Protein backbone atom coordinates (compact mmCIF):
# COMPACT_ATOMS: atom_id res chain seq x y z
CA UNK A 1 -17.15 38.56 -1.78
CA UNK A 2 -14.17 36.23 -1.53
CA UNK A 3 -14.43 32.63 -2.69
CA UNK A 4 -14.50 29.92 -0.08
CA UNK A 5 -11.26 27.91 0.06
CA UNK A 6 -11.43 24.51 -1.63
CA UNK A 7 -11.02 21.66 0.84
CA UNK A 8 -10.31 18.19 -0.49
CA UNK A 9 -12.36 15.53 1.29
CA UNK A 10 -12.25 11.70 1.30
CA UNK A 11 -15.15 11.41 -1.15
CA UNK A 12 -13.39 13.52 -3.76
CA UNK A 13 -10.16 11.60 -3.17
CA UNK A 14 -11.92 8.28 -3.79
CA UNK A 15 -13.49 9.65 -6.96
CA UNK A 16 -10.03 10.59 -8.18
CA UNK A 17 -8.70 7.10 -7.49
CA UNK A 18 -11.62 5.60 -9.37
CA UNK A 19 -10.54 7.68 -12.39
CA UNK A 20 -6.93 6.53 -12.09
CA UNK A 21 -5.54 9.65 -10.42
CA UNK A 22 -3.48 9.86 -7.26
CA UNK A 23 -2.09 12.85 -5.29
CA UNK A 24 1.48 13.72 -4.39
CA UNK A 25 3.09 16.75 -2.80
CA UNK A 26 6.47 18.12 -3.84
CA UNK A 27 7.71 18.07 -0.25
CA UNK A 28 6.58 17.47 3.31
CA UNK A 29 6.00 21.18 3.85
CA UNK A 30 4.12 21.75 0.59
CA UNK A 31 0.65 23.28 0.85
CA UNK A 32 -0.55 22.05 -2.54
CA UNK A 33 -1.06 18.65 -4.16
CA UNK A 34 -0.36 17.49 -7.69
CA UNK A 35 -2.60 14.92 -9.38
CA UNK A 36 -0.84 12.25 -11.39
CA UNK A 37 -2.01 9.75 -14.01
CA UNK A 38 1.32 8.56 -15.47
CA UNK A 39 1.65 7.09 -18.94
CA UNK A 40 3.31 4.00 -17.43
CA UNK A 41 1.74 2.60 -14.26
CA UNK A 42 3.31 0.22 -11.78
CA UNK A 43 1.29 -2.82 -10.72
CA UNK A 44 2.18 -5.90 -8.71
CA UNK A 45 0.27 -8.97 -9.96
CA UNK A 46 -1.18 -10.74 -6.93
CA UNK A 47 -0.65 -14.14 -8.56
CA UNK A 48 2.91 -13.23 -9.54
CA UNK A 49 4.41 -12.04 -6.27
CA UNK A 50 8.00 -13.22 -5.95
CA UNK A 51 8.56 -14.43 -2.41
CA UNK A 52 12.23 -15.34 -2.12
CA UNK A 53 13.61 -18.17 -0.03
CA UNK A 54 15.41 -15.71 2.26
CA UNK A 55 12.27 -13.63 2.86
CA UNK A 56 10.28 -16.79 3.53
CA UNK A 57 12.89 -17.74 6.12
CA UNK A 58 12.40 -14.36 7.81
CA UNK A 59 8.62 -14.78 7.74
CA UNK A 60 8.88 -18.20 9.36
CA UNK A 61 11.41 -17.07 11.96
CA UNK A 62 8.95 -15.01 13.96
CA UNK A 63 11.41 -12.13 14.11
CA UNK A 64 8.57 -9.71 13.43
CA UNK A 65 5.03 -9.58 14.74
CA UNK A 66 2.69 -8.50 11.94
CA UNK A 67 -0.61 -6.68 12.35
CA UNK A 68 -2.99 -4.83 10.07
CA UNK A 69 -4.96 -1.68 10.87
CA UNK A 70 -3.48 -1.72 14.38
CA UNK A 71 -1.81 1.70 14.22
CA UNK A 72 -2.58 3.46 10.95
CA UNK A 73 -1.55 6.93 12.11
CA UNK A 74 1.88 5.73 13.28
CA UNK A 75 2.38 3.85 10.01
CA UNK A 76 1.66 6.82 7.78
CA UNK A 77 3.79 8.99 10.06
CA UNK A 78 6.62 6.49 9.61
CA UNK A 79 6.20 6.65 5.85
CA UNK A 80 6.23 10.45 5.95
CA UNK A 81 9.27 10.75 8.21
CA UNK A 82 12.45 12.10 6.68
CA UNK A 83 15.49 9.84 7.01
CA UNK A 84 19.18 9.95 6.10
CA UNK A 85 18.60 7.98 2.90
CA UNK A 86 15.42 9.92 2.15
CA UNK A 87 15.80 13.57 3.14
CA UNK A 88 12.46 14.58 1.61
CA UNK A 89 9.00 13.03 1.34
CA UNK A 90 5.97 13.58 -0.89
CA UNK A 91 3.52 12.94 1.99
CA UNK A 92 2.47 16.34 3.28
CA UNK A 93 0.08 17.07 6.12
CA UNK A 94 -2.90 17.24 3.75
CA UNK A 95 -2.29 13.72 2.47
CA UNK A 96 -1.78 12.49 6.02
CA UNK A 97 -5.07 14.06 7.12
CA UNK A 98 -7.01 12.67 4.17
CA UNK A 99 -5.74 9.14 4.61
CA UNK A 100 -6.44 9.07 8.31
CA UNK A 101 -10.01 10.08 7.45
CA UNK A 102 -10.13 7.38 4.75
CA UNK A 103 -8.96 4.85 7.31
CA UNK A 104 -11.68 5.91 9.74
CA UNK A 105 -14.21 5.37 6.93
CA UNK A 106 -12.81 1.92 6.08
CA UNK A 107 -11.26 2.89 2.72
CA UNK A 108 -7.60 2.84 3.80
CA UNK A 109 -5.56 0.17 5.52
CA UNK A 110 -2.13 -0.39 6.98
CA UNK A 111 0.11 -3.37 7.64
CA UNK A 112 2.55 -3.02 10.53
CA UNK A 113 5.66 -4.99 11.46
CA UNK A 114 6.77 -4.92 15.07
CA UNK A 115 10.11 -5.93 16.58
CA UNK A 116 10.36 -6.30 20.35
CA UNK A 117 7.13 -4.34 20.74
CA UNK A 118 8.27 -1.39 18.63
CA UNK A 119 7.01 -0.43 15.18
CA UNK A 120 9.83 -1.39 12.80
CA UNK A 121 8.13 -0.94 9.44
CA UNK A 122 4.89 -0.97 7.54
CA UNK A 123 2.88 0.27 4.62
CA UNK A 124 -0.46 1.85 3.87
CA UNK A 125 -2.84 2.39 0.99
CA UNK A 126 -6.41 2.99 -0.11
CA UNK A 127 -8.91 0.53 -1.50
CA UNK A 128 -11.99 0.56 -3.70
CA UNK A 129 -13.73 -2.70 -4.49
CA UNK A 130 -11.03 -5.16 -5.53
CA UNK A 131 -8.37 -2.51 -6.13
CA UNK A 132 -5.72 -1.64 -3.55
CA UNK A 133 -3.70 1.51 -4.14
CA UNK A 134 -0.36 1.08 -2.41
CA UNK A 135 0.91 4.46 -1.27
CA UNK A 136 4.10 4.12 0.69
CA UNK A 137 6.14 1.87 2.96
CA UNK A 138 8.93 2.37 5.46
CA UNK A 139 11.42 0.32 7.40
CA UNK A 140 13.75 0.94 10.33
CA UNK A 141 14.87 -2.70 10.53
CA UNK A 142 16.13 -5.04 7.83
CA UNK A 143 13.28 -6.76 5.95
CA UNK A 144 10.52 -5.06 7.99
CA UNK A 145 8.84 -3.47 4.96
CA UNK A 146 9.35 -6.62 2.87
CA UNK A 147 7.51 -8.66 5.49
CA UNK A 148 4.70 -6.09 5.51
CA UNK A 149 4.41 -6.29 1.72
CA UNK A 150 4.23 -10.10 1.74
CA UNK A 151 1.49 -9.95 4.37
CA UNK A 152 -0.39 -7.33 2.38
CA UNK A 153 -0.37 -9.51 -0.73
CA UNK A 154 -1.54 -12.54 1.25
CA UNK A 155 -4.43 -10.57 2.74
CA UNK A 156 -5.42 -9.13 -0.64
CA UNK A 157 -5.45 -12.61 -2.17
CA UNK A 158 -7.57 -13.95 0.67
CA UNK A 159 -9.96 -11.01 0.38
CA UNK A 160 -10.61 -11.37 -3.33
CA UNK A 161 -8.66 -8.36 -4.61
CA UNK A 162 -7.49 -8.36 -8.22
CA UNK A 163 -5.36 -5.21 -8.52
CA UNK A 164 -2.42 -3.94 -6.47
CA UNK A 165 -1.38 -0.54 -7.81
CA UNK A 166 2.18 0.50 -6.92
CA UNK A 167 1.95 3.79 -8.86
CA UNK A 168 5.56 3.70 -10.06
CA UNK A 169 8.17 1.00 -10.49
CA UNK A 170 11.34 0.89 -8.41
CA UNK A 171 14.13 -1.67 -8.48
CA UNK A 172 12.96 -2.73 -5.01
CA UNK A 173 9.40 -3.44 -6.17
CA UNK A 174 10.56 -5.09 -9.38
CA UNK A 175 12.28 -7.77 -7.29
CA UNK A 176 8.84 -8.77 -6.02
CA UNK A 177 7.35 -9.03 -9.50
CA UNK A 178 6.04 -5.50 -10.00
CA UNK A 179 5.84 -4.42 -13.61
CA UNK A 180 4.84 -1.43 -15.73
CA UNK A 181 1.74 -1.33 -17.89
CA UNK A 182 0.34 1.42 -20.06
CA UNK A 183 -2.10 4.00 -18.77
CA UNK A 184 -4.82 2.50 -20.97
CA UNK A 185 -4.19 -1.03 -19.71
CA UNK A 186 -4.23 0.20 -16.12
CA UNK A 187 -7.50 2.05 -16.57
CA UNK A 188 -9.06 -1.12 -18.03
CA UNK A 189 -7.89 -3.22 -15.05
CA UNK A 190 -9.03 -0.52 -12.64
CA UNK A 191 -12.53 -0.30 -14.14
CA UNK A 192 -12.99 -4.04 -13.60
CA UNK A 193 -11.38 -4.16 -10.15
CA UNK A 194 -13.42 -1.39 -8.49
CA UNK A 195 -16.63 -3.31 -9.24
CA UNK A 196 -15.47 -6.44 -7.39
CA UNK A 197 -16.87 -6.88 -3.85
CA UNK A 198 -13.52 -7.62 -2.21
CA UNK A 199 -12.86 -7.31 1.51
CA UNK A 200 -9.67 -6.35 3.31
CA UNK A 201 -9.12 -8.94 6.04
CA UNK A 202 -7.10 -7.32 8.79
CA UNK A 203 -7.02 -10.37 11.06
CA UNK A 204 -7.41 -13.56 9.00
CA UNK A 205 -7.26 -16.99 10.56
CA UNK A 206 -3.53 -17.55 11.26
CA UNK A 207 -3.54 -21.02 9.70
CA UNK A 208 -5.28 -19.70 6.58
CA UNK A 209 -2.83 -16.79 6.35
CA UNK A 210 0.17 -19.11 6.68
CA UNK A 211 -1.24 -21.42 4.03
CA UNK A 212 -1.61 -18.46 1.65
CA UNK A 213 1.97 -17.33 2.28
CA UNK A 214 3.20 -20.87 1.72
CA UNK A 215 1.28 -20.94 -1.59
CA UNK A 216 2.94 -17.66 -2.60
CA UNK A 217 6.33 -19.20 -1.93
CA UNK A 218 5.51 -22.29 -4.02
CA UNK A 219 4.41 -20.07 -6.91
CA UNK A 220 7.77 -18.28 -6.69
CA UNK A 221 9.82 -21.50 -6.99
């Protein structure tokens, strides 16, 4: 009698995140996932987000329309798409399927930036309590992903989140204040954050959202 194939489901994925693990595939066409719990973990302190003067100018300009949870499937597809500067991606079909299911259950969210009615960038991630696990972002227009990230941080602050996990550190994320902490320090922060009754606010009051973004800019000065 052959064994039944193991199928990863959203519940098991959330249990893994609670333990500090996250999945990645070697390539878009990969059939298997690898579970990572790196010795050094990237986090972006929500009270230490660096919002530059130039990005604030873009946010105020109205160049982009920003939404959240408006088109999750298109956002993750944009993150998974192969581009000239990124010929391969770690988001395989299994990850895409799982996160769409997580979104339908309310445990994953996206932020989208639109230019002239077309999706120009965005990001997505999972959440548990007051922890948000940032997965990936993409951009097809200058500053589109940066605007999405600023809006994500503002929404997380308004919703009572305490941890924004970036998994790894890149030079791009470091410019916004992301830093590396040890695995042990991350696990301690995670254990506290998942017990916090935070709420992802997809459509906050516009005046309240603007006030939060303005506060982020003042903290960056």
